[in-house]
Every structure is written in structure tokens, then in C-alpha cells.
Amino acid sequence: MKVIEKSKAISPLSEYTSAIEKEPVVITCDGKPIAALIAIENTDLETVSLSNNQKFQDIIERSRVRHNAEGGISSDEMRRKLGLGEPK
């Protein structure tokens, strides 16, 4: 992992993104991490956006809590209820 103090991070962004092919790049402020550049694979912009959206994360957490408290149904049961048949 490469660590760079914010005040010394003066190279073009393209240089830092080239470095993440080998290891993450962490930007610090007074020695404390404030940002990270990491390689992301097998994803799209929507996934990245939602994974960093606090409102979406809150919805997911409420759903998990409700599922743990009340239970749920399997995906096979949901497909049956929706009349979708067997997955391909």
C-alpha cells in the first residue's frame, strides 16, 4: 500500500491511478487516512454509486433488521409467487 500525505500529493491523478494496478494508494492528512484509490473490477458505476450512498445503505440495513426479526422467503418461493418458473 502506498501512503501519500495530502500536501505532497501533487502529481496528476493519472499517475496515482496507474499506481493502483499494483497496490492501493491512501491519502492522509496529518498522518490520518482521508481517502483511498483502489482498483475496482467487475463492477459498474451504479454499483459504485449505491455502495457509497448512505440513504441506500440505510435501506439495506433496515431490510436486514426486518428480515432477521420477521424472517423472509426464499428466492425460489418468490419466483413461484410471481409466476416466473425455474431460474435459467
N, C-alpha and C. Protein backbone atom coordinates (compact mmCIF):
# COMPACT_ATOMS: atom_id res chain seq x y z
N MET A 1 0.86 -1.17 0.00
CA MET A 1 0.00 0.00 0.00
C MET A 1 0.90 1.23 0.00
N LYS A 2 0.58 2.15 -0.89
CA LYS A 2 1.33 3.41 -0.97
C LYS A 2 0.57 4.47 -0.17
N VAL A 3 1.26 5.19 0.67
CA VAL A 3 0.65 6.23 1.50
C VAL A 3 1.27 7.56 1.13
N ILE A 4 0.41 8.54 0.86
CA ILE A 4 0.88 9.87 0.46
C ILE A 4 0.18 10.91 1.32
N GLU A 5 0.95 11.82 1.88
CA GLU A 5 0.38 12.94 2.64
C GLU A 5 -0.28 13.90 1.64
N LYS A 6 -1.47 14.38 2.00
CA LYS A 6 -2.25 15.25 1.10
C LYS A 6 -1.43 16.42 0.57
N SER A 7 -0.65 17.04 1.42
CA SER A 7 0.13 18.21 0.99
C SER A 7 1.22 17.84 -0.02
N LYS A 8 1.57 16.55 -0.10
CA LYS A 8 2.61 16.11 -1.04
C LYS A 8 2.02 15.41 -2.26
N ALA A 9 0.72 15.31 -2.32
CA ALA A 9 0.05 14.63 -3.44
C ALA A 9 -0.15 15.64 -4.56
N ILE A 10 0.92 15.92 -5.28
CA ILE A 10 0.87 16.97 -6.30
C ILE A 10 0.98 16.43 -7.73
N SER A 11 1.15 15.12 -7.87
CA SER A 11 1.23 14.53 -9.21
C SER A 11 -0.16 14.52 -9.84
N PRO A 12 -0.22 14.42 -11.16
CA PRO A 12 -1.52 14.30 -11.82
C PRO A 12 -2.24 13.03 -11.35
N LEU A 13 -3.55 13.08 -11.32
CA LEU A 13 -4.35 11.93 -10.90
C LEU A 13 -4.02 10.69 -11.72
N SER A 14 -3.71 10.87 -12.98
CA SER A 14 -3.40 9.73 -13.84
C SER A 14 -2.20 8.94 -13.32
N GLU A 15 -1.25 9.60 -12.70
CA GLU A 15 -0.09 8.89 -12.13
C GLU A 15 -0.53 8.02 -10.95
N TYR A 16 -1.39 8.54 -10.11
CA TYR A 16 -1.84 7.78 -8.95
C TYR A 16 -2.71 6.60 -9.38
N THR A 17 -3.54 6.80 -10.40
CA THR A 17 -4.39 5.70 -10.86
C THR A 17 -3.56 4.61 -11.52
N SER A 18 -2.43 4.97 -12.11
CA SER A 18 -1.53 3.95 -12.66
C SER A 18 -0.94 3.12 -11.54
N ALA A 19 -0.67 3.74 -10.42
CA ALA A 19 -0.05 3.04 -9.29
C ALA A 19 -1.00 2.02 -8.65
N ILE A 20 -2.32 2.23 -8.75
CA ILE A 20 -3.25 1.32 -8.08
C ILE A 20 -3.33 -0.04 -8.74
N GLU A 21 -2.75 -0.18 -9.92
CA GLU A 21 -2.70 -1.51 -10.55
C GLU A 21 -1.86 -2.46 -9.70
N LYS A 22 -0.90 -1.92 -8.95
CA LYS A 22 -0.01 -2.72 -8.11
C LYS A 22 -0.47 -2.75 -6.65
N GLU A 23 -0.97 -1.63 -6.16
CA GLU A 23 -1.35 -1.53 -4.74
C GLU A 23 -2.26 -0.32 -4.53
N PRO A 24 -3.08 -0.35 -3.46
CA PRO A 24 -3.92 0.81 -3.17
C PRO A 24 -3.05 2.04 -2.83
N VAL A 25 -3.61 3.20 -3.08
CA VAL A 25 -2.95 4.46 -2.72
C VAL A 25 -3.83 5.14 -1.68
N VAL A 26 -3.27 5.40 -0.51
CA VAL A 26 -4.02 6.04 0.57
C VAL A 26 -3.50 7.46 0.75
N ILE A 27 -4.40 8.41 0.78
CA ILE A 27 -4.06 9.81 1.01
C ILE A 27 -4.33 10.11 2.48
N THR A 28 -3.36 10.76 3.13
CA THR A 28 -3.51 11.09 4.55
C THR A 28 -3.47 12.59 4.76
N CYS A 29 -4.00 13.01 5.88
CA CYS A 29 -3.92 14.40 6.34
C CYS A 29 -3.43 14.34 7.78
N ASP A 30 -2.27 14.87 8.02
CA ASP A 30 -1.64 14.78 9.34
C ASP A 30 -1.53 13.33 9.80
N GLY A 31 -1.21 12.45 8.84
CA GLY A 31 -1.00 11.05 9.15
C GLY A 31 -2.25 10.20 9.27
N LYS A 32 -3.43 10.82 9.15
CA LYS A 32 -4.69 10.08 9.24
C LYS A 32 -5.27 9.86 7.85
N PRO A 33 -5.70 8.63 7.53
CA PRO A 33 -6.25 8.37 6.20
C PRO A 33 -7.53 9.17 5.95
N ILE A 34 -7.60 9.80 4.77
CA ILE A 34 -8.80 10.56 4.42
C ILE A 34 -9.41 10.10 3.10
N ALA A 35 -8.63 9.39 2.30
CA ALA A 35 -9.13 8.90 1.00
C ALA A 35 -8.27 7.74 0.55
N ALA A 36 -8.87 6.92 -0.32
CA ALA A 36 -8.11 5.79 -0.86
C ALA A 36 -8.46 5.63 -2.34
N LEU A 37 -7.46 5.33 -3.12
CA LEU A 37 -7.65 4.97 -4.52
C LEU A 37 -7.38 3.48 -4.61
N ILE A 38 -8.38 2.74 -5.03
CA ILE A 38 -8.24 1.30 -5.15
C ILE A 38 -8.76 0.86 -6.51
N ALA A 39 -8.21 -0.22 -6.99
CA ALA A 39 -8.70 -0.77 -8.25
C ALA A 39 -10.06 -1.43 -8.01
N ILE A 40 -10.98 -1.23 -8.93
CA ILE A 40 -12.27 -1.90 -8.83
C ILE A 40 -12.47 -2.70 -10.11
N GLU A 41 -12.88 -3.94 -9.91
CA GLU A 41 -13.06 -4.83 -11.04
C GLU A 41 -14.46 -5.42 -11.00
N ASN A 42 -14.93 -5.81 -12.16
CA ASN A 42 -16.24 -6.48 -12.27
C ASN A 42 -17.36 -5.69 -11.60
N THR A 43 -17.40 -4.41 -11.88
CA THR A 43 -18.45 -3.56 -11.32
C THR A 43 -18.84 -2.50 -12.34
N ASP A 44 -19.87 -1.75 -12.01
CA ASP A 44 -20.30 -0.66 -12.88
C ASP A 44 -20.51 0.59 -12.02
N LEU A 45 -20.78 1.71 -12.68
CA LEU A 45 -20.92 2.97 -11.96
C LEU A 45 -22.09 2.96 -10.98
N GLU A 46 -23.18 2.29 -11.36
CA GLU A 46 -24.34 2.22 -10.47
C GLU A 46 -23.98 1.51 -9.16
N THR A 47 -23.27 0.41 -9.25
CA THR A 47 -22.87 -0.34 -8.06
C THR A 47 -21.96 0.50 -7.17
N VAL A 48 -21.00 1.17 -7.77
CA VAL A 48 -20.09 2.02 -7.00
C VAL A 48 -20.87 3.15 -6.34
N SER A 49 -21.77 3.76 -7.09
CA SER A 49 -22.57 4.86 -6.55
C SER A 49 -23.43 4.41 -5.37
N LEU A 50 -24.14 3.30 -5.54
CA LEU A 50 -25.01 2.81 -4.47
C LEU A 50 -24.24 2.35 -3.24
N SER A 51 -23.08 1.77 -3.45
CA SER A 51 -22.31 1.28 -2.31
C SER A 51 -21.77 2.42 -1.45
N ASN A 52 -21.78 3.63 -1.99
CA ASN A 52 -21.32 4.80 -1.25
C ASN A 52 -22.44 5.78 -0.93
N ASN A 53 -23.68 5.33 -1.07
CA ASN A 53 -24.83 6.19 -0.82
C ASN A 53 -25.43 5.83 0.55
N GLN A 54 -25.37 6.76 1.49
CA GLN A 54 -25.81 6.47 2.85
C GLN A 54 -27.30 6.15 2.93
N LYS A 55 -28.13 6.82 2.14
CA LYS A 55 -29.57 6.51 2.15
C LYS A 55 -29.82 5.07 1.71
N PHE A 56 -29.12 4.64 0.66
CA PHE A 56 -29.27 3.27 0.19
C PHE A 56 -28.77 2.28 1.25
N GLN A 57 -27.65 2.58 1.87
CA GLN A 57 -27.13 1.71 2.93
C GLN A 57 -28.10 1.61 4.10
N ASP A 58 -28.78 2.72 4.43
CA ASP A 58 -29.79 2.70 5.49
C ASP A 58 -30.96 1.79 5.12
N ILE A 59 -31.40 1.84 3.87
CA ILE A 59 -32.50 0.97 3.40
C ILE A 59 -32.08 -0.50 3.53
N ILE A 60 -30.88 -0.81 3.11
CA ILE A 60 -30.38 -2.19 3.19
C ILE A 60 -30.33 -2.64 4.65
N GLU A 61 -29.83 -1.79 5.53
CA GLU A 61 -29.74 -2.16 6.95
C GLU A 61 -31.12 -2.38 7.56
N ARG A 62 -32.08 -1.51 7.24
CA ARG A 62 -33.45 -1.72 7.74
C ARG A 62 -34.02 -3.03 7.24
N SER A 63 -33.74 -3.35 6.00
CA SER A 63 -34.22 -4.62 5.43
C SER A 63 -33.59 -5.81 6.14
N ARG A 64 -32.32 -5.72 6.45
CA ARG A 64 -31.65 -6.82 7.17
C ARG A 64 -32.24 -7.00 8.55
N VAL A 65 -32.46 -5.90 9.24
CA VAL A 65 -33.04 -5.97 10.59
C VAL A 65 -34.43 -6.58 10.53
N ARG A 66 -35.23 -6.13 9.57
CA ARG A 66 -36.58 -6.67 9.43
C ARG A 66 -36.54 -8.15 9.08
N HIS A 67 -35.68 -8.54 8.19
CA HIS A 67 -35.56 -9.95 7.81
C HIS A 67 -35.15 -10.80 9.00
N ASN A 68 -34.20 -10.32 9.79
CA ASN A 68 -33.78 -11.06 10.98
C ASN A 68 -34.90 -11.18 12.00
N ALA A 69 -35.73 -10.14 12.12
CA ALA A 69 -36.81 -10.16 13.10
C ALA A 69 -38.03 -10.95 12.62
N GLU A 70 -38.36 -10.81 11.34
CA GLU A 70 -39.60 -11.39 10.83
C GLU A 70 -39.39 -12.59 9.91
N GLY A 71 -38.17 -12.80 9.47
CA GLY A 71 -37.91 -13.86 8.51
C GLY A 71 -38.20 -13.37 7.10
N GLY A 72 -38.10 -14.28 6.18
CA GLY A 72 -38.33 -13.91 4.78
C GLY A 72 -38.69 -15.15 3.99
N ILE A 73 -38.66 -15.00 2.69
CA ILE A 73 -38.96 -16.15 1.83
C ILE A 73 -37.77 -16.37 0.90
N SER A 74 -37.63 -17.58 0.45
CA SER A 74 -36.52 -17.90 -0.45
C SER A 74 -36.76 -17.29 -1.83
N SER A 75 -35.70 -17.21 -2.60
CA SER A 75 -35.85 -16.69 -3.97
C SER A 75 -36.71 -17.64 -4.80
N ASP A 76 -36.62 -18.96 -4.52
CA ASP A 76 -37.47 -19.92 -5.23
C ASP A 76 -38.95 -19.66 -4.94
N GLU A 77 -39.27 -19.37 -3.67
CA GLU A 77 -40.65 -19.08 -3.29
C GLU A 77 -41.13 -17.78 -3.94
N MET A 78 -40.26 -16.78 -3.99
CA MET A 78 -40.63 -15.51 -4.62
C MET A 78 -40.89 -15.72 -6.11
N ARG A 79 -40.05 -16.50 -6.78
CA ARG A 79 -40.25 -16.79 -8.19
C ARG A 79 -41.59 -17.50 -8.40
N ARG A 80 -41.93 -18.43 -7.50
CA ARG A 80 -43.19 -19.15 -7.61
C ARG A 80 -44.37 -18.19 -7.46
N LYS A 81 -44.27 -17.30 -6.45
CA LYS A 81 -45.35 -16.35 -6.22
C LYS A 81 -45.54 -15.40 -7.40
N LEU A 82 -44.45 -15.07 -8.07
CA LEU A 82 -44.51 -14.15 -9.21
C LEU A 82 -44.77 -14.88 -10.52
N GLY A 83 -44.84 -16.20 -10.46
CA GLY A 83 -45.10 -16.98 -11.66
C GLY A 83 -43.96 -16.97 -12.66
N LEU A 84 -42.75 -16.91 -12.16
CA LEU A 84 -41.60 -16.80 -13.05
C LEU A 84 -40.99 -18.16 -13.39
N GLY A 85 -41.38 -19.21 -12.72
CA GLY A 85 -40.82 -20.51 -13.03
C GLY A 85 -39.41 -20.69 -12.51
N GLU A 86 -38.76 -21.71 -13.02
CA GLU A 86 -37.39 -22.04 -12.58
C GLU A 86 -36.38 -21.07 -13.19
N PRO A 87 -35.32 -20.75 -12.41
CA PRO A 87 -34.26 -19.90 -12.98
C PRO A 87 -33.54 -20.63 -14.11
N LYS A 88 -33.03 -19.89 -15.06
CA LYS A 88 -32.33 -20.49 -16.21
C LYS A 88 -30.88 -20.75 -15.89
